[in-house]
Amino acid sequence: MAQYANLTVEQVHEKLQRGDDFRLIDVREPHEHAVARIEGAELLPLSRANEWVGTLPADQEIVFFCHHGGRSAQVAAFLAGQRGFGRVANMLGGINEWSIRVDPAIARY
């Protein structure tokens, strides 16, 4: 069974700061995204995954996040296990942890 990586918010922040080539995907819903968001992240709501999951390239590094990390872990596990993606990761603690440890200006809800 293929595995996905778990990255801390600090590790993801470092990747962004270095300019690493990866996609940061927010799987929260639009109403959550309106409250708090990470600059540069793409919004692909989990509720519409059947519309976008087939468009993701299996060879690109992708980091998923949500509010606390549960929904993004489900997406990462699905892509690694069912689709054979080798470069997917879940951001532990989600945007809530990002707000605490990286950018306190981002609203917590």
PDB file of N, CA and C in Angstrom:
ATOM      1  N   MET A   1       0.840  -1.193   0.000  1.00  0.00           N
ATOM      2  CA  MET A   1       0.000   0.000   0.000  1.00  0.00           C
ATOM      3  C   MET A   1       0.880   1.249   0.000  1.00  0.00           C
ATOM      4  N   ALA A   2       0.651   2.109  -0.948  1.00  0.00           N
ATOM      5  CA  ALA A   2       1.436   3.338  -1.043  1.00  0.00           C
ATOM      6  C   ALA A   2       1.128   4.250   0.142  1.00  0.00           C
ATOM      7  N   GLN A   3       2.111   4.949   0.571  1.00  0.00           N
ATOM      8  CA  GLN A   3       1.970   5.844   1.709  1.00  0.00           C
ATOM      9  C   GLN A   3       2.077   7.299   1.255  1.00  0.00           C
ATOM     10  N   TYR A   4       1.525   8.173   2.073  1.00  0.00           N
ATOM     11  CA  TYR A   4       1.692   9.603   1.839  1.00  0.00           C
ATOM     12  C   TYR A   4       2.512  10.158   2.996  1.00  0.00           C
ATOM     13  N   ALA A   5       3.078  11.322   2.784  1.00  0.00           N
ATOM     14  CA  ALA A   5       3.891  11.968   3.816  1.00  0.00           C
ATOM     15  C   ALA A   5       3.021  12.856   4.692  1.00  0.00           C
ATOM     16  N   ASN A   6       3.442  13.038   5.920  1.00  0.00           N
ATOM     17  CA  ASN A   6       2.850  14.027   6.799  1.00  0.00           C
ATOM     18  C   ASN A   6       3.895  15.110   7.007  1.00  0.00           C
ATOM     19  N   LEU A   7       3.541  16.341   6.686  1.00  0.00           N
ATOM     20  CA  LEU A   7       4.456  17.465   6.847  1.00  0.00           C
ATOM     21  C   LEU A   7       3.907  18.420   7.895  1.00  0.00           C
ATOM     22  N   THR A   8       4.803  18.982   8.693  1.00  0.00           N
ATOM     23  CA  THR A   8       4.380  19.993   9.655  1.00  0.00           C
ATOM     24  C   THR A   8       4.140  21.306   8.913  1.00  0.00           C
ATOM     25  N   VAL A   9       3.433  22.215   9.561  1.00  0.00           N
ATOM     26  CA  VAL A   9       3.209  23.522   8.931  1.00  0.00           C
ATOM     27  C   VAL A   9       4.534  24.244   8.717  1.00  0.00           C
ATOM     28  N   GLU A  10       5.485  24.033   9.605  1.00  0.00           N
ATOM     29  CA  GLU A  10       6.798  24.666   9.434  1.00  0.00           C
ATOM     30  C   GLU A  10       7.502  24.120   8.196  1.00  0.00           C
ATOM     31  N   GLN A  11       7.401  22.808   7.964  1.00  0.00           N
ATOM     32  CA  GLN A  11       8.026  22.219   6.771  1.00  0.00           C
ATOM     33  C   GLN A  11       7.391  22.768   5.491  1.00  0.00           C
ATOM     34  N   VAL A  12       6.076  22.904   5.482  1.00  0.00           N
ATOM     35  CA  VAL A  12       5.393  23.441   4.295  1.00  0.00           C
ATOM     36  C   VAL A  12       5.772  24.904   4.103  1.00  0.00           C
ATOM     37  N   HIS A  13       5.840  25.653   5.175  1.00  0.00           N
ATOM     38  CA  HIS A  13       6.244  27.065   5.090  1.00  0.00           C
ATOM     39  C   HIS A  13       7.652  27.184   4.506  1.00  0.00           C
ATOM     40  N   GLU A  14       8.567  26.317   4.958  1.00  0.00           N
ATOM     41  CA  GLU A  14       9.939  26.321   4.427  1.00  0.00           C
ATOM     42  C   GLU A  14       9.944  26.019   2.934  1.00  0.00           C
ATOM     43  N   LYS A  15       9.109  25.072   2.498  1.00  0.00           N
ATOM     44  CA  LYS A  15       9.026  24.737   1.069  1.00  0.00           C
ATOM     45  C   LYS A  15       8.569  25.963   0.271  1.00  0.00           C
ATOM     46  N   LEU A  16       7.584  26.675   0.794  1.00  0.00           N
ATOM     47  CA  LEU A  16       7.100  27.885   0.119  1.00  0.00           C
ATOM     48  C   LEU A  16       8.190  28.958   0.084  1.00  0.00           C
ATOM     49  N   GLN A  17       8.885  29.145   1.199  1.00  0.00           N
ATOM     50  CA  GLN A  17       9.941  30.154   1.290  1.00  0.00           C
ATOM     51  C   GLN A  17      11.081  29.868   0.308  1.00  0.00           C
ATOM     52  N   ARG A  18      11.399  28.570   0.143  1.00  0.00           N
ATOM     53  CA  ARG A  18      12.474  28.175  -0.789  1.00  0.00           C
ATOM     54  C   ARG A  18      12.034  28.255  -2.243  1.00  0.00           C
ATOM     55  N   GLY A  19      10.728  28.307  -2.466  1.00  0.00           N
ATOM     56  CA  GLY A  19      10.230  28.303  -3.835  1.00  0.00           C
ATOM     57  C   GLY A  19      10.210  26.914  -4.444  1.00  0.00           C
ATOM     58  N   ASP A  20      10.090  25.885  -3.611  1.00  0.00           N
ATOM     59  CA  ASP A  20      10.015  24.512  -4.121  1.00  0.00           C
ATOM     60  C   ASP A  20       8.854  24.382  -5.110  1.00  0.00           C
ATOM     61  N   ASP A  21       9.022  23.473  -6.067  1.00  0.00           N
ATOM     62  CA  ASP A  21       7.999  23.243  -7.083  1.00  0.00           C
ATOM     63  C   ASP A  21       7.000  22.205  -6.578  1.00  0.00           C
ATOM     64  N   PHE A  22       5.885  22.680  -6.040  1.00  0.00           N
ATOM     65  CA  PHE A  22       4.832  21.791  -5.571  1.00  0.00           C
ATOM     66  C   PHE A  22       3.519  22.562  -5.584  1.00  0.00           C
ATOM     67  N   ARG A  23       2.426  21.810  -5.520  1.00  0.00           N
ATOM     68  CA  ARG A  23       1.099  22.435  -5.434  1.00  0.00           C
ATOM     69  C   ARG A  23       0.593  22.329  -4.018  1.00  0.00           C
ATOM     70  N   LEU A  24       0.101  23.434  -3.492  1.00  0.00           N
ATOM     71  CA  LEU A  24      -0.501  23.473  -2.167  1.00  0.00           C
ATOM     72  C   LEU A  24      -2.001  23.581  -2.383  1.00  0.00           C
ATOM     73  N   ILE A  25      -2.725  22.534  -2.002  1.00  0.00           N
ATOM     74  CA  ILE A  25      -4.160  22.462  -2.286  1.00  0.00           C
ATOM     75  C   ILE A  25      -4.976  22.427  -0.998  1.00  0.00           C
ATOM     76  N   ASP A  26      -5.904  23.367  -0.918  1.00  0.00           N
ATOM     77  CA  ASP A  26      -6.830  23.517   0.197  1.00  0.00           C
ATOM     78  C   ASP A  26      -8.104  22.756  -0.157  1.00  0.00           C
ATOM     79  N   VAL A  27      -8.451  21.730   0.623  1.00  0.00           N
ATOM     80  CA  VAL A  27      -9.646  20.936   0.319  1.00  0.00           C
ATOM     81  C   VAL A  27     -10.855  21.349   1.165  1.00  0.00           C
ATOM     82  N   ARG A  28     -10.745  22.496   1.828  1.00  0.00           N
ATOM     83  CA  ARG A  28     -11.887  22.992   2.596  1.00  0.00           C
ATOM     84  C   ARG A  28     -12.958  23.532   1.643  1.00  0.00           C
ATOM     85  N   GLU A  29     -14.082  23.907   2.213  1.00  0.00           N
ATOM     86  CA  GLU A  29     -15.195  24.431   1.430  1.00  0.00           C
ATOM     87  C   GLU A  29     -15.043  25.940   1.215  1.00  0.00           C
ATOM     88  N   PRO A  30     -15.700  26.487   0.184  1.00  0.00           N
ATOM     89  CA  PRO A  30     -15.570  27.924  -0.105  1.00  0.00           C
ATOM     90  C   PRO A  30     -15.880  28.838   1.085  1.00  0.00           C
ATOM     91  N   HIS A  31     -16.867  28.488   1.900  1.00  0.00           N
ATOM     92  CA  HIS A  31     -17.182  29.355   3.048  1.00  0.00           C
ATOM     93  C   HIS A  31     -16.047  29.364   4.079  1.00  0.00           C
ATOM     94  N   GLU A  32     -15.294  28.262   4.175  1.00  0.00           N
ATOM     95  CA  GLU A  32     -14.140  28.219   5.082  1.00  0.00           C
ATOM     96  C   GLU A  32     -12.986  29.024   4.496  1.00  0.00           C
ATOM     97  N   HIS A  33     -12.792  28.883   3.194  1.00  0.00           N
ATOM     98  CA  HIS A  33     -11.735  29.598   2.485  1.00  0.00           C
ATOM     99  C   HIS A  33     -11.937  31.106   2.601  1.00  0.00           C
ATOM    100  N   ALA A  34     -13.201  31.542   2.629  1.00  0.00           N
ATOM    101  CA  ALA A  34     -13.508  32.970   2.748  1.00  0.00           C
ATOM    102  C   ALA A  34     -13.060  33.533   4.094  1.00  0.00           C
ATOM    103  N   VAL A  35     -13.019  32.678   5.115  1.00  0.00           N
ATOM    104  CA  VAL A  35     -12.638  33.104   6.466  1.00  0.00           C
ATOM    105  C   VAL A  35     -11.119  33.166   6.615  1.00  0.00           C
ATOM    106  N   ALA A  36     -10.421  32.167   6.086  1.00  0.00           N
ATOM    107  CA  ALA A  36      -8.977  32.050   6.283  1.00  0.00           C
ATOM    108  C   ALA A  36      -8.361  31.321   5.092  1.00  0.00           C
ATOM    109  N   ARG A  37      -7.231  31.843   4.599  1.00  0.00           N
ATOM    110  CA  ARG A  37      -6.562  31.172   3.489  1.00  0.00           C
ATOM    111  C   ARG A  37      -5.054  31.416   3.530  1.00  0.00           C
ATOM    112  N   ILE A  38      -4.331  30.503   2.885  1.00  0.00           N
ATOM    113  CA  ILE A  38      -2.879  30.617   2.770  1.00  0.00           C
ATOM    114  C   ILE A  38      -2.582  31.136   1.376  1.00  0.00           C
ATOM    115  N   GLU A  39      -1.821  32.193   1.307  1.00  0.00           N
ATOM    116  CA  GLU A  39      -1.454  32.808   0.029  1.00  0.00           C
ATOM    117  C   GLU A  39      -0.810  31.777  -0.898  1.00  0.00           C
ATOM    118  N   GLY A  40      -1.306  31.694  -2.117  1.00  0.00           N
ATOM    119  CA  GLY A  40      -0.738  30.788  -3.113  1.00  0.00           C
ATOM    120  C   GLY A  40      -1.370  29.410  -3.164  1.00  0.00           C
ATOM    121  N   ALA A  41      -2.229  29.099  -2.197  1.00  0.00           N
ATOM    122  CA  ALA A  41      -2.878  27.781  -2.190  1.00  0.00           C
ATOM    123  C   ALA A  41      -4.070  27.776  -3.144  1.00  0.00           C
ATOM    124  N   GLU A  42      -4.304  26.619  -3.752  1.00  0.00           N
ATOM    125  CA  GLU A  42      -5.454  26.439  -4.646  1.00  0.00           C
ATOM    126  C   GLU A  42      -6.605  25.857  -3.850  1.00  0.00           C
ATOM    127  N   LEU A  43      -7.807  26.344  -4.088  1.00  0.00           N
ATOM    128  CA  LEU A  43      -8.989  25.795  -3.420  1.00  0.00           C
ATOM    129  C   LEU A  43      -9.623  24.743  -4.321  1.00  0.00           C
ATOM    130  N   LEU A  44      -9.616  23.495  -3.849  1.00  0.00           N
ATOM    131  CA  LEU A  44     -10.286  22.382  -4.523  1.00  0.00           C
ATOM    132  C   LEU A  44     -11.103  21.658  -3.451  1.00  0.00           C
ATOM    133  N   PRO A  45     -12.361  22.082  -3.245  1.00  0.00           N
ATOM    134  CA  PRO A  45     -13.161  21.531  -2.145  1.00  0.00           C
ATOM    135  C   PRO A  45     -13.347  20.015  -2.220  1.00  0.00           C
ATOM    136  N   LEU A  46     -13.210  19.368  -1.070  1.00  0.00           N
ATOM    137  CA  LEU A  46     -13.376  17.921  -0.994  1.00  0.00           C
ATOM    138  C   LEU A  46     -14.756  17.495  -1.485  1.00  0.00           C
ATOM    139  N   SER A  47     -15.780  18.319  -1.230  1.00  0.00           N
ATOM    140  CA  SER A  47     -17.146  17.973  -1.649  1.00  0.00           C
ATOM    141  C   SER A  47     -17.280  17.868  -3.168  1.00  0.00           C
ATOM    142  N   ARG A  48     -16.307  18.419  -3.891  1.00  0.00           N
ATOM    143  CA  ARG A  48     -16.331  18.354  -5.361  1.00  0.00           C
ATOM    144  C   ARG A  48     -15.151  17.547  -5.900  1.00  0.00           C
ATOM    145  N   ALA A  49     -14.586  16.676  -5.082  1.00  0.00           N
ATOM    146  CA  ALA A  49     -13.392  15.909  -5.465  1.00  0.00           C
ATOM    147  C   ALA A  49     -13.601  15.094  -6.734  1.00  0.00           C
ATOM    148  N   ASN A  50     -14.819  14.579  -6.931  1.00  0.00           N
ATOM    149  CA  ASN A  50     -15.062  13.788  -8.146  1.00  0.00           C
ATOM    150  C   ASN A  50     -14.860  14.619  -9.403  1.00  0.00           C
ATOM    151  N   GLU A  51     -14.936  15.943  -9.297  1.00  0.00           N
ATOM    152  CA  GLU A  51     -14.732  16.823 -10.449  1.00  0.00           C
ATOM    153  C   GLU A  51     -13.256  17.097 -10.716  1.00  0.00           C
ATOM    154  N   TRP A  52     -12.423  17.101  -9.670  1.00  0.00           N
ATOM    155  CA  TRP A  52     -11.032  17.501  -9.870  1.00  0.00           C
ATOM    156  C   TRP A  52      -9.983  16.417  -9.636  1.00  0.00           C
ATOM    157  N   VAL A  53     -10.328  15.342  -8.938  1.00  0.00           N
ATOM    158  CA  VAL A  53      -9.300  14.364  -8.581  1.00  0.00           C
ATOM    159  C   VAL A  53      -8.636  13.746  -9.817  1.00  0.00           C
ATOM    160  N   GLY A  54      -9.390  13.568 -10.880  1.00  0.00           N
ATOM    161  CA  GLY A  54      -8.822  12.995 -12.095  1.00  0.00           C
ATOM    162  C   GLY A  54      -7.933  13.938 -12.884  1.00  0.00           C
ATOM    163  N   THR A  55      -7.912  15.209 -12.516  1.00  0.00           N
ATOM    164  CA  THR A  55      -7.099  16.192 -13.240  1.00  0.00           C
ATOM    165  C   THR A  55      -5.715  16.380 -12.637  1.00  0.00           C
ATOM    166  N   LEU A  56      -5.463  15.764 -11.479  1.00  0.00           N
ATOM    167  CA  LEU A  56      -4.172  15.952 -10.809  1.00  0.00           C
ATOM    168  C   LEU A  56      -3.093  15.076 -11.446  1.00  0.00           C
ATOM    169  N   PRO A  57      -1.923  15.648 -11.716  1.00  0.00           N
ATOM    170  CA  PRO A  57      -0.830  14.853 -12.286  1.00  0.00           C
ATOM    171  C   PRO A  57      -0.158  13.983 -11.222  1.00  0.00           C
ATOM    172  N   ALA A  58      -0.027  12.703 -11.521  1.00  0.00           N
ATOM    173  CA  ALA A  58       0.530  11.758 -10.551  1.00  0.00           C
ATOM    174  C   ALA A  58       2.012  11.990 -10.277  1.00  0.00           C
ATOM    175  N   ASP A  59       2.694  12.712 -11.156  1.00  0.00           N
ATOM    176  CA  ASP A  59       4.138  12.893 -10.997  1.00  0.00           C
ATOM    177  C   ASP A  59       4.516  14.209 -10.317  1.00  0.00           C
ATOM    178  N   GLN A  60       3.550  15.011  -9.949  1.00  0.00           N
ATOM    179  CA  GLN A  60       3.837  16.292  -9.317  1.00  0.00           C
ATOM    180  C   GLN A  60       3.698  16.174  -7.804  1.00  0.00           C
ATOM    181  N   GLU A  61       4.538  16.905  -7.079  1.00  0.00           N
ATOM    182  CA  GLU A  61       4.401  16.915  -5.626  1.00  0.00           C
ATOM    183  C   GLU A  61       3.198  17.775  -5.245  1.00  0.00           C
ATOM    184  N   ILE A  62       2.335  17.221  -4.394  1.00  0.00           N
ATOM    185  CA  ILE A  62       1.128  17.925  -3.966  1.00  0.00           C
ATOM    186  C   ILE A  62       1.006  17.824  -2.451  1.00  0.00           C
ATOM    187  N   VAL A  63       0.780  18.959  -1.815  1.00  0.00           N
ATOM    188  CA  VAL A  63       0.537  19.011  -0.375  1.00  0.00           C
ATOM    189  C   VAL A  63      -0.897  19.480  -0.166  1.00  0.00           C
ATOM    190  N   PHE A  64      -1.669  18.679   0.570  1.00  0.00           N
ATOM    191  CA  PHE A  64      -3.067  19.002   0.853  1.00  0.00           C
ATOM    192  C   PHE A  64      -3.206  19.510   2.280  1.00  0.00           C
ATOM    193  N   PHE A  65      -4.161  20.413   2.471  1.00  0.00           N
ATOM    194  CA  PHE A  65      -4.499  20.828   3.824  1.00  0.00           C
ATOM    195  C   PHE A  65      -5.986  21.145   3.913  1.00  0.00           C
ATOM    196  N   CYS A  66      -6.476  21.160   5.152  1.00  0.00           N
ATOM    197  CA  CYS A  66      -7.872  21.523   5.418  1.00  0.00           C
ATOM    198  C   CYS A  66      -7.880  22.326   6.717  1.00  0.00           C
ATOM    199  N   HIS A  67      -8.927  22.188   7.517  1.00  0.00           N
ATOM    200  CA  HIS A  67      -9.013  22.958   8.759  1.00  0.00           C
ATOM    201  C   HIS A  67      -8.058  22.409   9.820  1.00  0.00           C
ATOM    202  N   HIS A  68      -8.151  21.096  10.103  1.00  0.00           N
ATOM    203  CA  HIS A  68      -7.303  20.484  11.127  1.00  0.00           C
ATOM    204  C   HIS A  68      -6.432  19.339  10.595  1.00  0.00           C
ATOM    205  N   GLY A  69      -6.658  18.877   9.376  1.00  0.00           N
ATOM    206  CA  GLY A  69      -5.828  17.829   8.799  1.00  0.00           C
ATOM    207  C   GLY A  69      -6.535  16.523   8.505  1.00  0.00           C
ATOM    208  N   GLY A  70      -7.786  16.377   8.894  1.00  0.00           N
ATOM    209  CA  GLY A  70      -8.509  15.122   8.676  1.00  0.00           C
ATOM    210  C   GLY A  70      -8.933  14.900   7.239  1.00  0.00           C
ATOM    211  N   ARG A  71      -9.579  15.892   6.645  1.00  0.00           N
ATOM    212  CA  ARG A  71     -10.037  15.754   5.254  1.00  0.00           C
ATOM    213  C   ARG A  71      -8.862  15.659   4.293  1.00  0.00           C
ATOM    214  N   SER A  72      -7.819  16.458   4.533  1.00  0.00           N
ATOM    215  CA  SER A  72      -6.655  16.417   3.645  1.00  0.00           C
ATOM    216  C   SER A  72      -5.933  15.077   3.756  1.00  0.00           C
ATOM    217  N   ALA A  73      -5.928  14.467   4.932  1.00  0.00           N
ATOM    218  CA  ALA A  73      -5.329  13.136   5.089  1.00  0.00           C
ATOM    219  C   ALA A  73      -6.113  12.109   4.280  1.00  0.00           C
ATOM    220  N   GLN A  74      -7.441  12.233   4.243  1.00  0.00           N
ATOM    221  CA  GLN A  74      -8.270  11.317   3.448  1.00  0.00           C
ATOM    222  C   GLN A  74      -7.920  11.423   1.967  1.00  0.00           C
ATOM    223  N   VAL A  75      -7.766  12.641   1.467  1.00  0.00           N
ATOM    224  CA  VAL A  75      -7.432  12.843   0.056  1.00  0.00           C
ATOM    225  C   VAL A  75      -6.047  12.273  -0.248  1.00  0.00           C
ATOM    226  N   ALA A  76      -5.074  12.569   0.611  1.00  0.00           N
ATOM    227  CA  ALA A  76      -3.712  12.060   0.405  1.00  0.00           C
ATOM    228  C   ALA A  76      -3.688  10.532   0.433  1.00  0.00           C
ATOM    229  N   ALA A  77      -4.413   9.939   1.371  1.00  0.00           N
ATOM    230  CA  ALA A  77      -4.455   8.476   1.471  1.00  0.00           C
ATOM    231  C   ALA A  77      -5.101   7.858   0.232  1.00  0.00           C
ATOM    232  N   PHE A  78      -6.160   8.477  -0.255  1.00  0.00           N
ATOM    233  CA  PHE A  78      -6.837   7.981  -1.456  1.00  0.00           C
ATOM    234  C   PHE A  78      -5.903   8.038  -2.665  1.00  0.00           C
ATOM    235  N   LEU A  79      -5.252   9.174  -2.872  1.00  0.00           N
ATOM    236  CA  LEU A  79      -4.385   9.324  -4.044  1.00  0.00           C
ATOM    237  C   LEU A  79      -3.172   8.392  -3.970  1.00  0.00           C
ATOM    238  N   ALA A  80      -2.612   8.237  -2.779  1.00  0.00           N
ATOM    239  CA  ALA A  80      -1.454   7.341  -2.633  1.00  0.00           C
ATOM    240  C   ALA A  80      -1.879   5.882  -2.766  1.00  0.00           C
ATOM    241  N   GLY A  81      -2.960   5.522  -2.105  1.00  0.00           N
ATOM    242  CA  GLY A  81      -3.371   4.124  -2.060  1.00  0.00           C
ATOM    243  C   GLY A  81      -4.134   3.637  -3.273  1.00  0.00           C
ATOM    244  N   GLN A  82      -5.080   4.429  -3.750  1.00  0.00           N
ATOM    245  CA  GLN A  82      -5.944   3.999  -4.850  1.00  0.00           C
ATOM    246  C   GLN A  82      -5.445   4.439  -6.226  1.00  0.00           C
ATOM    247  N   ARG A  83      -4.735   5.540  -6.280  1.00  0.00           N
ATOM    248  CA  ARG A  83      -4.291   6.078  -7.570  1.00  0.00           C
ATOM    249  C   ARG A  83      -2.790   5.944  -7.797  1.00  0.00           C
ATOM    250  N   GLY A  84      -2.071   5.469  -6.793  1.00  0.00           N
ATOM    251  CA  GLY A  84      -0.640   5.243  -6.953  1.00  0.00           C
ATOM    252  C   GLY A  84       0.224   6.485  -6.968  1.00  0.00           C
ATOM    253  N   PHE A  85      -0.285   7.590  -6.464  1.00  0.00           N
ATOM    254  CA  PHE A  85       0.506   8.819  -6.406  1.00  0.00           C
ATOM    255  C   PHE A  85       1.641   8.633  -5.412  1.00  0.00           C
ATOM    256  N   GLY A  86       2.859   9.001  -5.811  1.00  0.00           N
ATOM    257  CA  GLY A  86       4.012   8.808  -4.946  1.00  0.00           C
ATOM    258  C   GLY A  86       4.503  10.057  -4.248  1.00  0.00           C
ATOM    259  N   ARG A  87       3.953  11.226  -4.605  1.00  0.00           N
ATOM    260  CA  ARG A  87       4.487  12.471  -4.055  1.00  0.00           C
ATOM    261  C   ARG A  87       3.369  13.333  -3.456  1.00  0.00           C
ATOM    262  N   VAL A  88       2.537  12.721  -2.629  1.00  0.00           N
ATOM    263  CA  VAL A  88       1.469  13.470  -1.973  1.00  0.00           C
ATOM    264  C   VAL A  88       1.743  13.560  -0.475  1.00  0.00           C
ATOM    265  N   ALA A  89       1.286  14.653   0.115  1.00  0.00           N
ATOM    266  CA  ALA A  89       1.498  14.878   1.543  1.00  0.00           C
ATOM    267  C   ALA A  89       0.283  15.554   2.157  1.00  0.00           C
ATOM    268  N   ASN A  90       0.151  15.348   3.449  1.00  0.00           N
ATOM    269  CA  ASN A  90      -0.870  15.992   4.254  1.00  0.00           C
ATOM    270  C   ASN A  90      -0.169  16.975   5.185  1.00  0.00           C
ATOM    271  N   MET A  91      -0.702  18.194   5.279  1.00  0.00           N
ATOM    272  CA  MET A  91      -0.150  19.177   6.210  1.00  0.00           C
ATOM    273  C   MET A  91      -0.832  18.990   7.564  1.00  0.00           C
ATOM    274  N   LEU A  92      -0.055  18.499   8.530  1.00  0.00           N
ATOM    275  CA  LEU A  92      -0.579  18.210   9.865  1.00  0.00           C
ATOM    276  C   LEU A  92      -1.120  19.457  10.554  1.00  0.00           C
ATOM    277  N   GLY A  93      -2.312  19.330  11.114  1.00  0.00           N
ATOM    278  CA  GLY A  93      -2.895  20.433  11.867  1.00  0.00           C
ATOM    279  C   GLY A  93      -3.637  21.449  11.027  1.00  0.00           C
ATOM    280  N   GLY A  94      -3.498  21.359   9.695  1.00  0.00           N
ATOM    281  CA  GLY A  94      -4.225  22.223   8.791  1.00  0.00           C
ATOM    282  C   GLY A  94      -3.987  23.706   8.990  1.00  0.00           C
ATOM    283  N   ILE A  95      -4.937  24.482   8.479  1.00  0.00           N
ATOM    284  CA  ILE A  95      -4.794  25.940   8.536  1.00  0.00           C
ATOM    285  C   ILE A  95      -4.887  26.442   9.973  1.00  0.00           C
ATOM    286  N   ASN A  96      -5.528  25.687  10.847  1.00  0.00           N
ATOM    287  CA  ASN A  96      -5.581  26.081  12.253  1.00  0.00           C
ATOM    288  C   ASN A  96      -4.173  26.118  12.843  1.00  0.00           C
ATOM    289  N   GLU A  97      -3.399  25.079  12.591  1.00  0.00           N
ATOM    290  CA  GLU A  97      -2.019  25.014  13.087  1.00  0.00           C
ATOM    291  C   GLU A  97      -1.147  26.058  12.390  1.00  0.00           C
ATOM    292  N   TRP A  98      -1.403  26.294  11.105  1.00  0.00           N
ATOM    293  CA  TRP A  98      -0.667  27.317  10.344  1.00  0.00           C
ATOM    294  C   TRP A  98      -0.855  28.675  11.024  1.00  0.00           C
ATOM    295  N   SER A  99      -2.079  28.982  11.417  1.00  0.00           N
ATOM    296  CA  SER A  99      -2.379  30.248  12.076  1.00  0.00           C
ATOM    297  C   SER A  99      -1.641  30.376  13.409  1.00  0.00           C
ATOM    298  N   ILE A 100      -1.522  29.267  14.127  1.00  0.00           N
ATOM    299  CA  ILE A 100      -0.849  29.278  15.429  1.00  0.00           C
ATOM    300  C   ILE A 100       0.667  29.406  15.267  1.00  0.00           C
ATOM    301  N   ARG A 101       1.250  28.628  14.351  1.00  0.00           N
ATOM    302  CA  ARG A 101       2.711  28.505  14.282  1.00  0.00           C
ATOM    303  C   ARG A 101       3.404  29.322  13.193  1.00  0.00           C
ATOM    304  N   VAL A 102       2.676  29.683  12.122  1.00  0.00           N
ATOM    305  CA  VAL A 102       3.327  30.360  11.000  1.00  0.00           C
ATOM    306  C   VAL A 102       2.838  31.794  10.815  1.00  0.00           C
ATOM    307  N   ASP A 103       1.535  31.975  10.733  1.00  0.00           N
ATOM    308  CA  ASP A 103       0.990  33.301  10.430  1.00  0.00           C
ATOM    309  C   ASP A 103      -0.221  33.616  11.307  1.00  0.00           C
ATOM    310  N   PRO A 104       0.020  34.251  12.474  1.00  0.00           N
ATOM    311  CA  PRO A 104      -1.068  34.570  13.396  1.00  0.00           C
ATOM    312  C   PRO A 104      -2.091  35.550  12.816  1.00  0.00           C
ATOM    313  N   ALA A 105      -1.772  36.187  11.696  1.00  0.00           N
ATOM    314  CA  ALA A 105      -2.717  37.112  11.069  1.00  0.00           C
ATOM    315  C   ALA A 105      -3.880  36.366  10.408  1.00  0.00           C
ATOM    316  N   ILE A 106      -3.698  35.064  10.173  1.00  0.00           N
ATOM    317  CA  ILE A 106      -4.767  34.266   9.569  1.00  0.00           C
ATOM    318  C   ILE A 106      -5.785  33.927  10.646  1.00  0.00           C
ATOM    319  N   ALA A 107      -7.049  34.222  10.341  1.00  0.00           N
ATOM    320  CA  ALA A 107      -8.127  33.996  11.314  1.00  0.00           C
ATOM    321  C   ALA A 107      -8.247  32.523  11.685  1.00  0.00           C
ATOM    322  N   ARG A 108      -8.566  32.276  12.946  1.00  0.00           N
ATOM    323  CA  ARG A 108      -8.870  30.923  13.411  1.00  0.00           C
ATOM    324  C   ARG A 108     -10.378  30.846  13.584  1.00  0.00           C
ATOM    325  N   TYR A 109     -10.927  29.696  13.263  1.00  0.00           N
ATOM    326  CA  TYR A 109     -12.384  29.523  13.388  1.00  0.00           C
ATOM    327  C   TYR A 109     -12.699  28.135  13.887  1.00  0.00           C
TER     328      TYR A 109
END
